[in-house]
């Protein structure tokens, strides 16, 4: 699939953009919002292809020179800006303005795509605002943001807003079965973790993430040597910091499933349906209040890690606490011991 066809579950948004192209009413600026992995960049790139494609006007053939160059990220009239060291800086916006001041190289459009627009520095945002205040000709700027509240209100007010839709779990699961060859049980779990985001589902469906998920869930479900398994997992994560966020998500969803089952909810509501019996066994051992406490512990750990707490100490404390949900001590008592930028 290519262009707009790759945006499963976003038909309403696609129709809106296609109609804008066909009617000649393309706005000068769009703000595309949605969670990480929701398909914001995919939509922006598909829109750019549809603007340039002469084979399928208002859509994209995916095979013509313009479509292929845009997909490869090397079309001279499509400028993509992404955060540099976590920030979009004024020099990047200045280069965008310089490109927009020139005539189109190969087409009649100029397209600018700003990924992570909320990371713009104050100087970069003010510079971009001037560009938005003085739109010129056939030029389109697309701002992509997962935190639009962090953008200047004056920037937001000059953009047409497009909010990515969350895709139904079953639709994502069917896609994963068809395109990635996952079993129905595995696809249902990944779709649940993706939380309505197709891009996130594709990332989670990678083999290394599936293996990690199995490792974490096996440690959680282990009835023997639970404390040892927990500390072993903490040590592994300390050596692989890039996997921490995903692991904490796995933990949170596991605990949420336990809480739902312990509260009498239908098994259809849980994510880890392939581990229903193990969840049910653990629900018999722990009270809802203990499970809620464990969820707080995971959230405390996530906040501490974002604040650069010592990763090794934080993870040890968290997983040891989770090894015994009924423990009265809180992992957050340990998190307060110092911070380190090197964690």
C-alpha atoms as a PDB file:
ATOM      1  CA  UNK A   1       0.000   0.000   0.000  1.00  0.00           C
ATOM      2  CA  UNK A   2       1.127   3.538  -0.673  1.00  0.00           C
ATOM      3  CA  UNK A   3       0.008   7.125  -0.151  1.00  0.00           C
ATOM      4  CA  UNK A   4      -3.412   7.562   1.391  1.00  0.00           C
ATOM      5  CA  UNK A   5      -4.102   3.837   0.953  1.00  0.00           C
ATOM      6  CA  UNK A   6      -1.643   3.072   3.767  1.00  0.00           C
ATOM      7  CA  UNK A   7      -3.678   5.077   6.297  1.00  0.00           C
ATOM      8  CA  UNK A   8      -5.958   2.378   7.616  1.00  0.00           C
ATOM      9  CA  UNK A   9      -8.791   3.680   9.763  1.00  0.00           C
ATOM     10  CA  UNK A  10      -8.250   7.335   8.768  1.00  0.00           C
ATOM     11  CA  UNK A  11     -10.739   7.455   5.886  1.00  0.00           C
ATOM     12  CA  UNK A  12     -12.518  10.610   7.089  1.00  0.00           C
ATOM     13  CA  UNK A  13      -9.258  12.564   7.304  1.00  0.00           C
ATOM     14  CA  UNK A  14      -8.126  11.282   3.916  1.00  0.00           C
ATOM     15  CA  UNK A  15     -11.389  12.318   2.265  1.00  0.00           C
ATOM     16  CA  UNK A  16     -11.067  15.788   3.782  1.00  0.00           C
ATOM     17  CA  UNK A  17      -7.563  16.288   2.379  1.00  0.00           C
ATOM     18  CA  UNK A  18      -8.424  14.799  -1.000  1.00  0.00           C
ATOM     19  CA  UNK A  19     -11.400  17.133  -1.308  1.00  0.00           C
ATOM     20  CA  UNK A  20      -9.175  20.110  -0.462  1.00  0.00           C
ATOM     21  CA  UNK A  21      -6.801  19.166  -3.301  1.00  0.00           C
ATOM     22  CA  UNK A  22      -9.539  18.485  -5.852  1.00  0.00           C
ATOM     23  CA  UNK A  23     -11.440  21.691  -5.010  1.00  0.00           C
ATOM     24  CA  UNK A  24      -8.275  23.814  -4.996  1.00  0.00           C
ATOM     25  CA  UNK A  25      -8.816  24.830  -1.376  1.00  0.00           C
ATOM     26  CA  UNK A  26      -5.622  23.575   0.204  1.00  0.00           C
ATOM     27  CA  UNK A  27      -4.822  25.517   3.379  1.00  0.00           C
ATOM     28  CA  UNK A  28      -1.446  27.159   3.866  1.00  0.00           C
ATOM     29  CA  UNK A  29      -0.889  25.415   7.211  1.00  0.00           C
ATOM     30  CA  UNK A  30      -2.090  22.229   8.908  1.00  0.00           C
ATOM     31  CA  UNK A  31      -1.538  21.021  12.465  1.00  0.00           C
ATOM     32  CA  UNK A  32      -1.654  17.217  12.558  1.00  0.00           C
ATOM     33  CA  UNK A  33      -2.021  15.904  16.107  1.00  0.00           C
ATOM     34  CA  UNK A  34      -1.982  12.451  17.649  1.00  0.00           C
ATOM     35  CA  UNK A  35      -0.052  10.174  19.969  1.00  0.00           C
ATOM     36  CA  UNK A  36       3.352   8.783  19.042  1.00  0.00           C
ATOM     37  CA  UNK A  37       2.912   6.094  16.410  1.00  0.00           C
ATOM     38  CA  UNK A  38      -0.528   7.286  15.326  1.00  0.00           C
ATOM     39  CA  UNK A  39       0.547   7.945  11.720  1.00  0.00           C
ATOM     40  CA  UNK A  40       1.037  11.728  11.650  1.00  0.00           C
ATOM     41  CA  UNK A  41       4.107  11.631   9.424  1.00  0.00           C
ATOM     42  CA  UNK A  42       2.568   8.978   7.183  1.00  0.00           C
ATOM     43  CA  UNK A  43      -0.435  11.243   6.622  1.00  0.00           C
ATOM     44  CA  UNK A  44       1.765  14.274   5.934  1.00  0.00           C
ATOM     45  CA  UNK A  45       3.908  12.392   3.415  1.00  0.00           C
ATOM     46  CA  UNK A  46       0.819  10.952   1.693  1.00  0.00           C
ATOM     47  CA  UNK A  47      -0.649  14.460   1.435  1.00  0.00           C
ATOM     48  CA  UNK A  48       2.579  15.725  -0.110  1.00  0.00           C
ATOM     49  CA  UNK A  49       2.522  12.885  -2.640  1.00  0.00           C
ATOM     50  CA  UNK A  50      -1.098  13.652  -3.509  1.00  0.00           C
ATOM     51  CA  UNK A  51      -0.207  17.312  -4.147  1.00  0.00           C
ATOM     52  CA  UNK A  52       2.561  16.414  -6.585  1.00  0.00           C
ATOM     53  CA  UNK A  53       1.246  13.281  -8.285  1.00  0.00           C
ATOM     54  CA  UNK A  54      -0.012  13.851 -11.846  1.00  0.00           C
ATOM     55  CA  UNK A  55      -0.970  10.228 -12.412  1.00  0.00           C
ATOM     56  CA  UNK A  56      -3.692  10.100  -9.742  1.00  0.00           C
ATOM     57  CA  UNK A  57      -4.715  13.702  -8.922  1.00  0.00           C
ATOM     58  CA  UNK A  58      -5.919  14.056  -5.345  1.00  0.00           C
ATOM     59  CA  UNK A  59      -4.333  10.740  -4.443  1.00  0.00           C
ATOM     60  CA  UNK A  60      -0.953   9.179  -5.193  1.00  0.00           C
ATOM     61  CA  UNK A  61       0.108   6.426  -7.579  1.00  0.00           C
ATOM     62  CA  UNK A  62       3.175   5.549  -5.521  1.00  0.00           C
ATOM     63  CA  UNK A  63       5.219   4.735  -8.614  1.00  0.00           C
ATOM     64  CA  UNK A  64       5.807   8.022 -10.452  1.00  0.00           C
ATOM     65  CA  UNK A  65       9.041   9.964  -9.972  1.00  0.00           C
ATOM     66  CA  UNK A  66       7.520  12.508  -7.580  1.00  0.00           C
ATOM     67  CA  UNK A  67       5.831   9.883  -5.407  1.00  0.00           C
ATOM     68  CA  UNK A  68       8.985   7.783  -5.158  1.00  0.00           C
ATOM     69  CA  UNK A  69      11.229  10.750  -4.332  1.00  0.00           C
ATOM     70  CA  UNK A  70       8.863  12.015  -1.638  1.00  0.00           C
ATOM     71  CA  UNK A  71       8.666   8.557  -0.071  1.00  0.00           C
ATOM     72  CA  UNK A  72      12.474   8.365  -0.101  1.00  0.00           C
ATOM     73  CA  UNK A  73      12.702  11.802   1.514  1.00  0.00           C
ATOM     74  CA  UNK A  74      14.766  13.410  -1.255  1.00  0.00           C
ATOM     75  CA  UNK A  75      12.290  15.552  -3.205  1.00  0.00           C
ATOM     76  CA  UNK A  76      13.751  19.082  -3.544  1.00  0.00           C
ATOM     77  CA  UNK A  77      10.365  20.770  -2.978  1.00  0.00           C
ATOM     78  CA  UNK A  78       9.440  18.791   0.149  1.00  0.00           C
ATOM     79  CA  UNK A  79      11.431  19.962   3.170  1.00  0.00           C
ATOM     80  CA  UNK A  80      11.306  17.820   6.316  1.00  0.00           C
ATOM     81  CA  UNK A  81      12.486  19.211   9.643  1.00  0.00           C
ATOM     82  CA  UNK A  82      13.014  16.924  12.641  1.00  0.00           C
ATOM     83  CA  UNK A  83      14.321  17.667  16.149  1.00  0.00           C
ATOM     84  CA  UNK A  84      18.086  17.999  16.449  1.00  0.00           C
ATOM     85  CA  UNK A  85      19.239  16.794  19.885  1.00  0.00           C
ATOM     86  CA  UNK A  86      15.641  16.954  21.068  1.00  0.00           C
ATOM     87  CA  UNK A  87      14.924  20.476  19.776  1.00  0.00           C
ATOM     88  CA  UNK A  88      13.931  22.192  16.544  1.00  0.00           C
ATOM     89  CA  UNK A  89      16.211  25.204  16.357  1.00  0.00           C
ATOM     90  CA  UNK A  90      15.933  28.573  14.681  1.00  0.00           C
ATOM     91  CA  UNK A  91      18.548  27.723  12.036  1.00  0.00           C
ATOM     92  CA  UNK A  92      16.356  24.849  10.852  1.00  0.00           C
ATOM     93  CA  UNK A  93      13.340  27.127  10.514  1.00  0.00           C
ATOM     94  CA  UNK A  94      15.441  29.732   8.730  1.00  0.00           C
ATOM     95  CA  UNK A  95      16.493  27.136   6.151  1.00  0.00           C
ATOM     96  CA  UNK A  96      12.840  26.265   5.645  1.00  0.00           C
ATOM     97  CA  UNK A  97      12.019  29.932   5.067  1.00  0.00           C
ATOM     98  CA  UNK A  98      14.870  30.246   2.589  1.00  0.00           C
ATOM     99  CA  UNK A  99      13.577  27.248   0.647  1.00  0.00           C
ATOM    100  CA  UNK A 100      10.055  28.659   0.625  1.00  0.00           C
ATOM    101  CA  UNK A 101      11.356  31.959  -0.750  1.00  0.00           C
ATOM    102  CA  UNK A 102      12.645  30.159  -3.848  1.00  0.00           C
ATOM    103  CA  UNK A 103      10.554  28.976  -6.762  1.00  0.00           C
ATOM    104  CA  UNK A 104       9.632  25.314  -6.829  1.00  0.00           C
ATOM    105  CA  UNK A 105      12.317  23.199  -8.475  1.00  0.00           C
ATOM    106  CA  UNK A 106      10.209  20.544 -10.126  1.00  0.00           C
ATOM    107  CA  UNK A 107       6.548  21.206  -9.373  1.00  0.00           C
ATOM    108  CA  UNK A 108       4.151  23.962  -8.522  1.00  0.00           C
ATOM    109  CA  UNK A 109       4.116  23.307  -4.752  1.00  0.00           C
ATOM    110  CA  UNK A 110       6.421  23.850  -1.811  1.00  0.00           C
ATOM    111  CA  UNK A 111       5.774  21.608   1.182  1.00  0.00           C
ATOM    112  CA  UNK A 112       7.306  21.875   4.633  1.00  0.00           C
ATOM    113  CA  UNK A 113       6.836  19.115   7.218  1.00  0.00           C
ATOM    114  CA  UNK A 114       7.839  19.898  10.808  1.00  0.00           C
ATOM    115  CA  UNK A 115       8.058  16.710  12.887  1.00  0.00           C
ATOM    116  CA  UNK A 116       7.746  17.166  16.658  1.00  0.00           C
ATOM    117  CA  UNK A 117       6.677  20.786  16.284  1.00  0.00           C
ATOM    118  CA  UNK A 118       6.227  21.144  20.051  1.00  0.00           C
ATOM    119  CA  UNK A 119      10.012  20.884  20.464  1.00  0.00           C
ATOM    120  CA  UNK A 120      10.648  24.213  18.705  1.00  0.00           C
ATOM    121  CA  UNK A 121      12.679  26.672  20.713  1.00  0.00           C
ATOM    122  CA  UNK A 122      11.056  30.050  21.397  1.00  0.00           C
ATOM    123  CA  UNK A 123      13.194  31.653  18.681  1.00  0.00           C
ATOM    124  CA  UNK A 124      12.301  28.924  16.171  1.00  0.00           C
ATOM    125  CA  UNK A 125       8.583  29.220  16.976  1.00  0.00           C
ATOM    126  CA  UNK A 126       8.608  32.990  16.526  1.00  0.00           C
ATOM    127  CA  UNK A 127      10.458  32.640  13.235  1.00  0.00           C
ATOM    128  CA  UNK A 128       7.942  30.074  11.988  1.00  0.00           C
ATOM    129  CA  UNK A 129       5.074  32.323  13.076  1.00  0.00           C
ATOM    130  CA  UNK A 130       6.283  35.027  10.711  1.00  0.00           C
ATOM    131  CA  UNK A 131       6.228  32.517   7.862  1.00  0.00           C
ATOM    132  CA  UNK A 132       2.665  31.520   8.750  1.00  0.00           C
ATOM    133  CA  UNK A 133       1.590  35.156   8.910  1.00  0.00           C
ATOM    134  CA  UNK A 134       2.781  35.784   5.363  1.00  0.00           C
ATOM    135  CA  UNK A 135       1.675  32.745   3.298  1.00  0.00           C
ATOM    136  CA  UNK A 136       2.816  32.748  -0.283  1.00  0.00           C
ATOM    137  CA  UNK A 137       1.422  31.002  -3.353  1.00  0.00           C
ATOM    138  CA  UNK A 138       1.193  27.254  -3.514  1.00  0.00           C
ATOM    139  CA  UNK A 139       3.019  26.502  -0.275  1.00  0.00           C
ATOM    140  CA  UNK A 140       1.906  24.220   2.542  1.00  0.00           C
ATOM    141  CA  UNK A 141       3.365  23.804   6.020  1.00  0.00           C
ATOM    142  CA  UNK A 142       2.387  20.759   8.077  1.00  0.00           C
ATOM    143  CA  UNK A 143       3.175  20.779  11.781  1.00  0.00           C
ATOM    144  CA  UNK A 144       3.144  17.345  13.443  1.00  0.00           C
ATOM    145  CA  UNK A 145       2.706  17.256  17.200  1.00  0.00           C
ATOM    146  CA  UNK A 146       1.895  14.776  19.952  1.00  0.00           C
ATOM    147  CA  UNK A 147       1.674  17.648  22.478  1.00  0.00           C
ATOM    148  CA  UNK A 148      -0.109  20.534  20.699  1.00  0.00           C
ATOM    149  CA  UNK A 149      -0.736  22.339  23.994  1.00  0.00           C
ATOM    150  CA  UNK A 150       2.998  23.155  24.036  1.00  0.00           C
ATOM    151  CA  UNK A 151       2.734  25.165  20.806  1.00  0.00           C
ATOM    152  CA  UNK A 152       2.220  28.919  20.725  1.00  0.00           C
ATOM    153  CA  UNK A 153      -1.528  29.687  20.553  1.00  0.00           C
ATOM    154  CA  UNK A 154      -0.787  32.130  17.733  1.00  0.00           C
ATOM    155  CA  UNK A 155       0.718  29.284  15.688  1.00  0.00           C
ATOM    156  CA  UNK A 156      -2.195  26.945  16.390  1.00  0.00           C
ATOM    157  CA  UNK A 157      -4.712  29.612  15.396  1.00  0.00           C
ATOM    158  CA  UNK A 158      -3.162  29.889  11.923  1.00  0.00           C
ATOM    159  CA  UNK A 159      -3.426  26.179  11.179  1.00  0.00           C
ATOM    160  CA  UNK A 160      -6.227  23.889  10.168  1.00  0.00           C
ATOM    161  CA  UNK A 161      -6.214  21.149  12.776  1.00  0.00           C
ATOM    162  CA  UNK A 162      -6.314  17.462  11.888  1.00  0.00           C
ATOM    163  CA  UNK A 163      -6.558  14.936  14.727  1.00  0.00           C
ATOM    164  CA  UNK A 164      -5.494  11.367  13.995  1.00  0.00           C
ATOM    165  CA  UNK A 165      -8.163   8.815  14.904  1.00  0.00           C
ATOM    166  CA  UNK A 166      -7.569   5.807  17.128  1.00  0.00           C
ATOM    167  CA  UNK A 167      -8.046   2.612  15.142  1.00  0.00           C
ATOM    168  CA  UNK A 168     -10.242  -0.176  16.591  1.00  0.00           C
ATOM    169  CA  UNK A 169      -8.243  -2.973  18.200  1.00  0.00           C
ATOM    170  CA  UNK A 170      -9.731  -5.705  16.007  1.00  0.00           C
ATOM    171  CA  UNK A 171      -8.857  -3.814  12.833  1.00  0.00           C
ATOM    172  CA  UNK A 172      -5.210  -3.563  13.924  1.00  0.00           C
ATOM    173  CA  UNK A 173      -5.159  -7.221  14.981  1.00  0.00           C
ATOM    174  CA  UNK A 174      -6.460  -8.309  11.582  1.00  0.00           C
ATOM    175  CA  UNK A 175      -3.788  -6.200   9.886  1.00  0.00           C
ATOM    176  CA  UNK A 176      -1.042  -7.811  11.993  1.00  0.00           C
ATOM    177  CA  UNK A 177      -2.286 -11.299  11.206  1.00  0.00           C
ATOM    178  CA  UNK A 178      -2.426 -10.522   7.495  1.00  0.00           C
ATOM    179  CA  UNK A 179       0.742  -8.453   7.035  1.00  0.00           C
ATOM    180  CA  UNK A 180       3.032  -9.795   9.788  1.00  0.00           C
ATOM    181  CA  UNK A 181       1.831 -13.377  10.058  1.00  0.00           C
ATOM    182  CA  UNK A 182       1.113 -13.123  13.789  1.00  0.00           C
ATOM    183  CA  UNK A 183      -1.191 -15.656  15.398  1.00  0.00           C
ATOM    184  CA  UNK A 184      -4.646 -14.331  16.389  1.00  0.00           C
ATOM    185  CA  UNK A 185      -3.665 -14.454  20.081  1.00  0.00           C
ATOM    186  CA  UNK A 186      -0.376 -12.626  19.548  1.00  0.00           C
ATOM    187  CA  UNK A 187      -1.981 -10.069  17.201  1.00  0.00           C
ATOM    188  CA  UNK A 188      -4.685  -9.310  19.785  1.00  0.00           C
ATOM    189  CA  UNK A 189      -2.060  -8.607  22.456  1.00  0.00           C
ATOM    190  CA  UNK A 190       0.047  -6.343  20.222  1.00  0.00           C
ATOM    191  CA  UNK A 191      -3.083  -4.492  19.054  1.00  0.00           C
ATOM    192  CA  UNK A 192      -4.072  -3.915  22.675  1.00  0.00           C
ATOM    193  CA  UNK A 193      -0.646  -2.530  23.567  1.00  0.00           C
ATOM    194  CA  UNK A 194      -0.711  -0.282  20.473  1.00  0.00           C
ATOM    195  CA  UNK A 195      -3.793   1.473  21.848  1.00  0.00           C
ATOM    196  CA  UNK A 196      -5.285   2.422  18.499  1.00  0.00           C
ATOM    197  CA  UNK A 197      -1.994   3.419  16.818  1.00  0.00           C
ATOM    198  CA  UNK A 198      -1.053   1.476  13.703  1.00  0.00           C
ATOM    199  CA  UNK A 199       2.509   2.814  13.608  1.00  0.00           C
ATOM    200  CA  UNK A 200       3.024   1.705  17.194  1.00  0.00           C
ATOM    201  CA  UNK A 201       1.594  -1.723  16.361  1.00  0.00           C
ATOM    202  CA  UNK A 202       4.091  -2.139  13.518  1.00  0.00           C
ATOM    203  CA  UNK A 203       6.944  -1.282  15.891  1.00  0.00           C
ATOM    204  CA  UNK A 204       5.760  -3.709  18.574  1.00  0.00           C
ATOM    205  CA  UNK A 205       5.364  -6.491  16.005  1.00  0.00           C
ATOM    206  CA  UNK A 206       9.133  -6.583  15.430  1.00  0.00           C
ATOM    207  CA  UNK A 207      10.708  -9.813  16.569  1.00  0.00           C
ATOM    208  CA  UNK A 208      12.928  -8.250  19.240  1.00  0.00           C
ATOM    209  CA  UNK A 209       9.922  -6.571  20.863  1.00  0.00           C
ATOM    210  CA  UNK A 210       7.864  -9.765  20.799  1.00  0.00           C
ATOM    211  CA  UNK A 211      10.723 -11.629  22.496  1.00  0.00           C
ATOM    212  CA  UNK A 212      11.061  -8.922  25.142  1.00  0.00           C
ATOM    213  CA  UNK A 213       7.348  -8.980  25.826  1.00  0.00           C
ATOM    214  CA  UNK A 214       7.451 -12.726  26.418  1.00  0.00           C
ATOM    215  CA  UNK A 215      10.433 -12.350  28.775  1.00  0.00           C
ATOM    216  CA  UNK A 216       8.743  -9.665  30.863  1.00  0.00           C
ATOM    217  CA  UNK A 217       5.407 -11.473  31.051  1.00  0.00           C
ATOM    218  CA  UNK A 218       7.082 -14.764  31.998  1.00  0.00           C
ATOM    219  CA  UNK A 219       8.876 -12.997  34.847  1.00  0.00           C
ATOM    220  CA  UNK A 220       5.619 -11.439  36.014  1.00  0.00           C
ATOM    221  CA  UNK A 221       3.715 -14.706  35.867  1.00  0.00           C
ATOM    222  CA  UNK A 222       6.461 -16.770  37.525  1.00  0.00           C
ATOM    223  CA  UNK A 223       5.288 -18.461  40.726  1.00  0.00           C
ATOM    224  CA  UNK A 224       8.752 -19.631  41.761  1.00  0.00           C
ATOM    225  CA  UNK A 225      11.725 -17.367  42.621  1.00  0.00           C
ATOM    226  CA  UNK A 226       9.695 -14.270  41.785  1.00  0.00           C
ATOM    227  CA  UNK A 227      12.152 -11.921  43.491  1.00  0.00           C
ATOM    228  CA  UNK A 228      15.145 -13.401  41.653  1.00  0.00           C
ATOM    229  CA  UNK A 229      13.369 -13.134  38.292  1.00  0.00           C
ATOM    230  CA  UNK A 230      12.446  -9.526  39.027  1.00  0.00           C
ATOM    231  CA  UNK A 231      16.003  -8.497  39.887  1.00  0.00           C
ATOM    232  CA  UNK A 232      17.345 -10.336  36.842  1.00  0.00           C
ATOM    233  CA  UNK A 233      14.929  -8.368  34.648  1.00  0.00           C
ATOM    234  CA  UNK A 234      15.951  -5.096  36.318  1.00  0.00           C
ATOM    235  CA  UNK A 235      19.633  -5.836  35.635  1.00  0.00           C
ATOM    236  CA  UNK A 236      18.871  -6.640  31.996  1.00  0.00           C
ATOM    237  CA  UNK A 237      16.993  -3.364  31.550  1.00  0.00           C
ATOM    238  CA  UNK A 238      19.792  -1.392  33.173  1.00  0.00           C
ATOM    239  CA  UNK A 239      22.030  -2.655  30.380  1.00  0.00           C
ATOM    240  CA  UNK A 240      19.422  -1.846  27.714  1.00  0.00           C
ATOM    241  CA  UNK A 241      18.024   1.599  28.561  1.00  0.00           C
ATOM    242  CA  UNK A 242      16.266   1.904  25.194  1.00  0.00           C
ATOM    243  CA  UNK A 243      13.906  -0.914  26.268  1.00  0.00           C
ATOM    244  CA  UNK A 244      12.834   0.598  29.588  1.00  0.00           C
ATOM    245  CA  UNK A 245       9.825   2.555  28.325  1.00  0.00           C
ATOM    246  CA  UNK A 246       8.376  -0.436  26.474  1.00  0.00           C
ATOM    247  CA  UNK A 247       8.881  -2.682  29.492  1.00  0.00           C
ATOM    248  CA  UNK A 248       7.110  -0.257  31.803  1.00  0.00           C
ATOM    249  CA  UNK A 249       4.218  -0.184  29.349  1.00  0.00           C
ATOM    250  CA  UNK A 250       4.038  -3.999  29.429  1.00  0.00           C
ATOM    251  CA  UNK A 251       3.987  -3.860  33.233  1.00  0.00           C
ATOM    252  CA  UNK A 252       1.290  -1.205  33.388  1.00  0.00           C
ATOM    253  CA  UNK A 253      -1.015  -3.089  31.027  1.00  0.00           C
ATOM    254  CA  UNK A 254      -0.450  -6.355  32.932  1.00  0.00           C
ATOM    255  CA  UNK A 255      -1.440  -4.681  36.188  1.00  0.00           C
ATOM    256  CA  UNK A 256      -4.409  -3.003  34.530  1.00  0.00           C
ATOM    257  CA  UNK A 257      -5.598  -6.403  33.296  1.00  0.00           C
ATOM    258  CA  UNK A 258      -5.270  -7.777  36.827  1.00  0.00           C
ATOM    259  CA  UNK A 259      -7.266  -4.874  38.207  1.00  0.00           C
ATOM    260  CA  UNK A 260     -10.031  -5.356  35.626  1.00  0.00           C
ATOM    261  CA  UNK A 261     -10.342  -9.070  36.374  1.00  0.00           C
ATOM    262  CA  UNK A 262     -10.204  -8.576  40.144  1.00  0.00           C
ATOM    263  CA  UNK A 263     -13.004  -6.018  39.780  1.00  0.00           C
ATOM    264  CA  UNK A 264     -15.209  -8.527  37.993  1.00  0.00           C
ATOM    265  CA  UNK A 265     -14.877  -7.149  34.469  1.00  0.00           C
ATOM    266  CA  UNK A 266     -15.340  -9.339  31.404  1.00  0.00           C
ATOM    267  CA  UNK A 267     -12.222 -11.166  30.124  1.00  0.00           C
ATOM    268  CA  UNK A 268     -12.922  -9.545  26.746  1.00  0.00           C
ATOM    269  CA  UNK A 269     -11.740  -6.232  28.203  1.00  0.00           C
ATOM    270  CA  UNK A 270      -8.194  -7.362  28.996  1.00  0.00           C
ATOM    271  CA  UNK A 271      -5.198  -7.095  26.656  1.00  0.00           C
ATOM    272  CA  UNK A 272      -3.263 -10.243  27.610  1.00  0.00           C
ATOM    273  CA  UNK A 273      -6.060 -12.648  26.757  1.00  0.00           C
ATOM    274  CA  UNK A 274      -3.478 -15.305  25.880  1.00  0.00           C
ATOM    275  CA  UNK A 275      -2.425 -15.295  29.557  1.00  0.00           C
ATOM    276  CA  UNK A 276      -5.881 -15.200  31.061  1.00  0.00           C
ATOM    277  CA  UNK A 277      -5.336 -18.174  33.406  1.00  0.00           C
ATOM    278  CA  UNK A 278      -2.091 -16.718  34.799  1.00  0.00           C
ATOM    279  CA  UNK A 279      -3.751 -13.349  35.371  1.00  0.00           C
ATOM    280  CA  UNK A 280      -6.682 -15.022  37.077  1.00  0.00           C
ATOM    281  CA  UNK A 281      -4.350 -16.927  39.423  1.00  0.00           C
ATOM    282  CA  UNK A 282      -2.565 -13.719  40.428  1.00  0.00           C
ATOM    283  CA  UNK A 283      -5.853 -11.900  40.965  1.00  0.00           C
ATOM    284  CA  UNK A 284      -6.672 -14.444  43.656  1.00  0.00           C
ATOM    285  CA  UNK A 285      -3.485 -13.583  45.525  1.00  0.00           C
ATOM    286  CA  UNK A 286      -3.660  -9.788  45.599  1.00  0.00           C
ATOM    287  CA  UNK A 287      -6.291  -7.269  46.574  1.00  0.00           C
ATOM    288  CA  UNK A 288      -7.376  -4.500  44.168  1.00  0.00           C
ATOM    289  CA  UNK A 289      -5.740  -1.947  46.471  1.00  0.00           C
ATOM    290  CA  UNK A 290      -2.396  -3.791  46.224  1.00  0.00           C
ATOM    291  CA  UNK A 291      -2.675  -3.821  42.432  1.00  0.00           C
ATOM    292  CA  UNK A 292      -3.462  -0.100  42.365  1.00  0.00           C
ATOM    293  CA  UNK A 293      -0.427   0.506  44.580  1.00  0.00           C
ATOM    294  CA  UNK A 294       1.720  -1.411  42.095  1.00  0.00           C
ATOM    295  CA  UNK A 295       0.435   0.756  39.225  1.00  0.00           C
ATOM    296  CA  UNK A 296       1.442   3.816  41.242  1.00  0.00           C
ATOM    297  CA  UNK A 297       4.890   2.314  41.724  1.00  0.00           C
ATOM    298  CA  UNK A 298       5.365   1.884  37.971  1.00  0.00           C
ATOM    299  CA  UNK A 299       4.203   5.460  37.358  1.00  0.00           C
ATOM    300  CA  UNK A 300       6.549   6.734  40.085  1.00  0.00           C
ATOM    301  CA  UNK A 301       9.443   4.888  38.474  1.00  0.00           C
ATOM    302  CA  UNK A 302       8.628   6.258  35.014  1.00  0.00           C
ATOM    303  CA  UNK A 303       8.559   9.827  36.353  1.00  0.00           C
ATOM    304  CA  UNK A 304      11.801   9.299  38.266  1.00  0.00           C
ATOM    305  CA  UNK A 305      13.587   7.948  35.203  1.00  0.00           C
ATOM    306  CA  UNK A 306      12.439  10.912  33.111  1.00  0.00           C
ATOM    307  CA  UNK A 307      13.897  13.146  35.839  1.00  0.00           C
ATOM    308  CA  UNK A 308      17.255  11.325  35.474  1.00  0.00           C
ATOM    309  CA  UNK A 309      17.121   9.283  38.684  1.00  0.00           C
ATOM    310  CA  UNK A 310      19.723   6.513  38.968  1.00  0.00           C
ATOM    311  CA  UNK A 311      18.396   3.927  36.552  1.00  0.00           C
ATOM    312  CA  UNK A 312      19.863   0.841  38.241  1.00  0.00           C
ATOM    313  CA  UNK A 313      18.588   1.752  41.714  1.00  0.00           C
ATOM    314  CA  UNK A 314      15.180   2.808  40.401  1.00  0.00           C
ATOM    315  CA  UNK A 315      14.638  -0.394  38.434  1.00  0.00           C
ATOM    316  CA  UNK A 316      15.880  -2.630  41.280  1.00  0.00           C
ATOM    317  CA  UNK A 317      13.473  -0.944  43.671  1.00  0.00           C
ATOM    318  CA  UNK A 318      10.546  -1.147  41.269  1.00  0.00           C
ATOM    319  CA  UNK A 319      10.908  -4.796  40.287  1.00  0.00           C
ATOM    320  CA  UNK A 320      11.612  -5.954  43.801  1.00  0.00           C
ATOM    321  CA  UNK A 321       8.432  -4.231  44.967  1.00  0.00           C
ATOM    322  CA  UNK A 322       6.448  -5.772  42.115  1.00  0.00           C
ATOM    323  CA  UNK A 323       7.731  -9.186  43.156  1.00  0.00           C
ATOM    324  CA  UNK A 324       5.497  -8.811  46.212  1.00  0.00           C
ATOM    325  CA  UNK A 325       2.485  -6.615  45.510  1.00  0.00           C
ATOM    326  CA  UNK A 326       1.381  -6.769  49.134  1.00  0.00           C
ATOM    327  CA  UNK A 327       4.590  -5.192  50.419  1.00  0.00           C
ATOM    328  CA  UNK A 328       3.750  -2.129  52.475  1.00  0.00           C
ATOM    329  CA  UNK A 329       6.811  -0.114  51.445  1.00  0.00           C
ATOM    330  CA  UNK A 330       6.632   2.123  48.387  1.00  0.00           C
ATOM    331  CA  UNK A 331       9.313   2.004  45.690  1.00  0.00           C
ATOM    332  CA  UNK A 332       9.127   5.779  45.513  1.00  0.00           C
ATOM    333  CA  UNK A 333      10.883   5.929  48.902  1.00  0.00           C
ATOM    334  CA  UNK A 334      14.009   4.709  47.134  1.00  0.00           C
ATOM    335  CA  UNK A 335      13.709   6.964  44.062  1.00  0.00           C
ATOM    336  CA  UNK A 336      14.604  10.106  46.027  1.00  0.00           C
ATOM    337  CA  UNK A 337      18.265   9.126  46.359  1.00  0.00           C
ATOM    338  CA  UNK A 338      19.911  11.580  43.992  1.00  0.00           C
ATOM    339  CA  UNK A 339      19.836  12.194  40.278  1.00  0.00           C
ATOM    340  CA  UNK A 340      22.408  11.693  37.597  1.00  0.00           C
ATOM    341  CA  UNK A 341      22.457  12.927  34.007  1.00  0.00           C
ATOM    342  CA  UNK A 342      24.385   9.791  33.142  1.00  0.00           C
ATOM    343  CA  UNK A 343      21.612   7.412  34.210  1.00  0.00           C
END
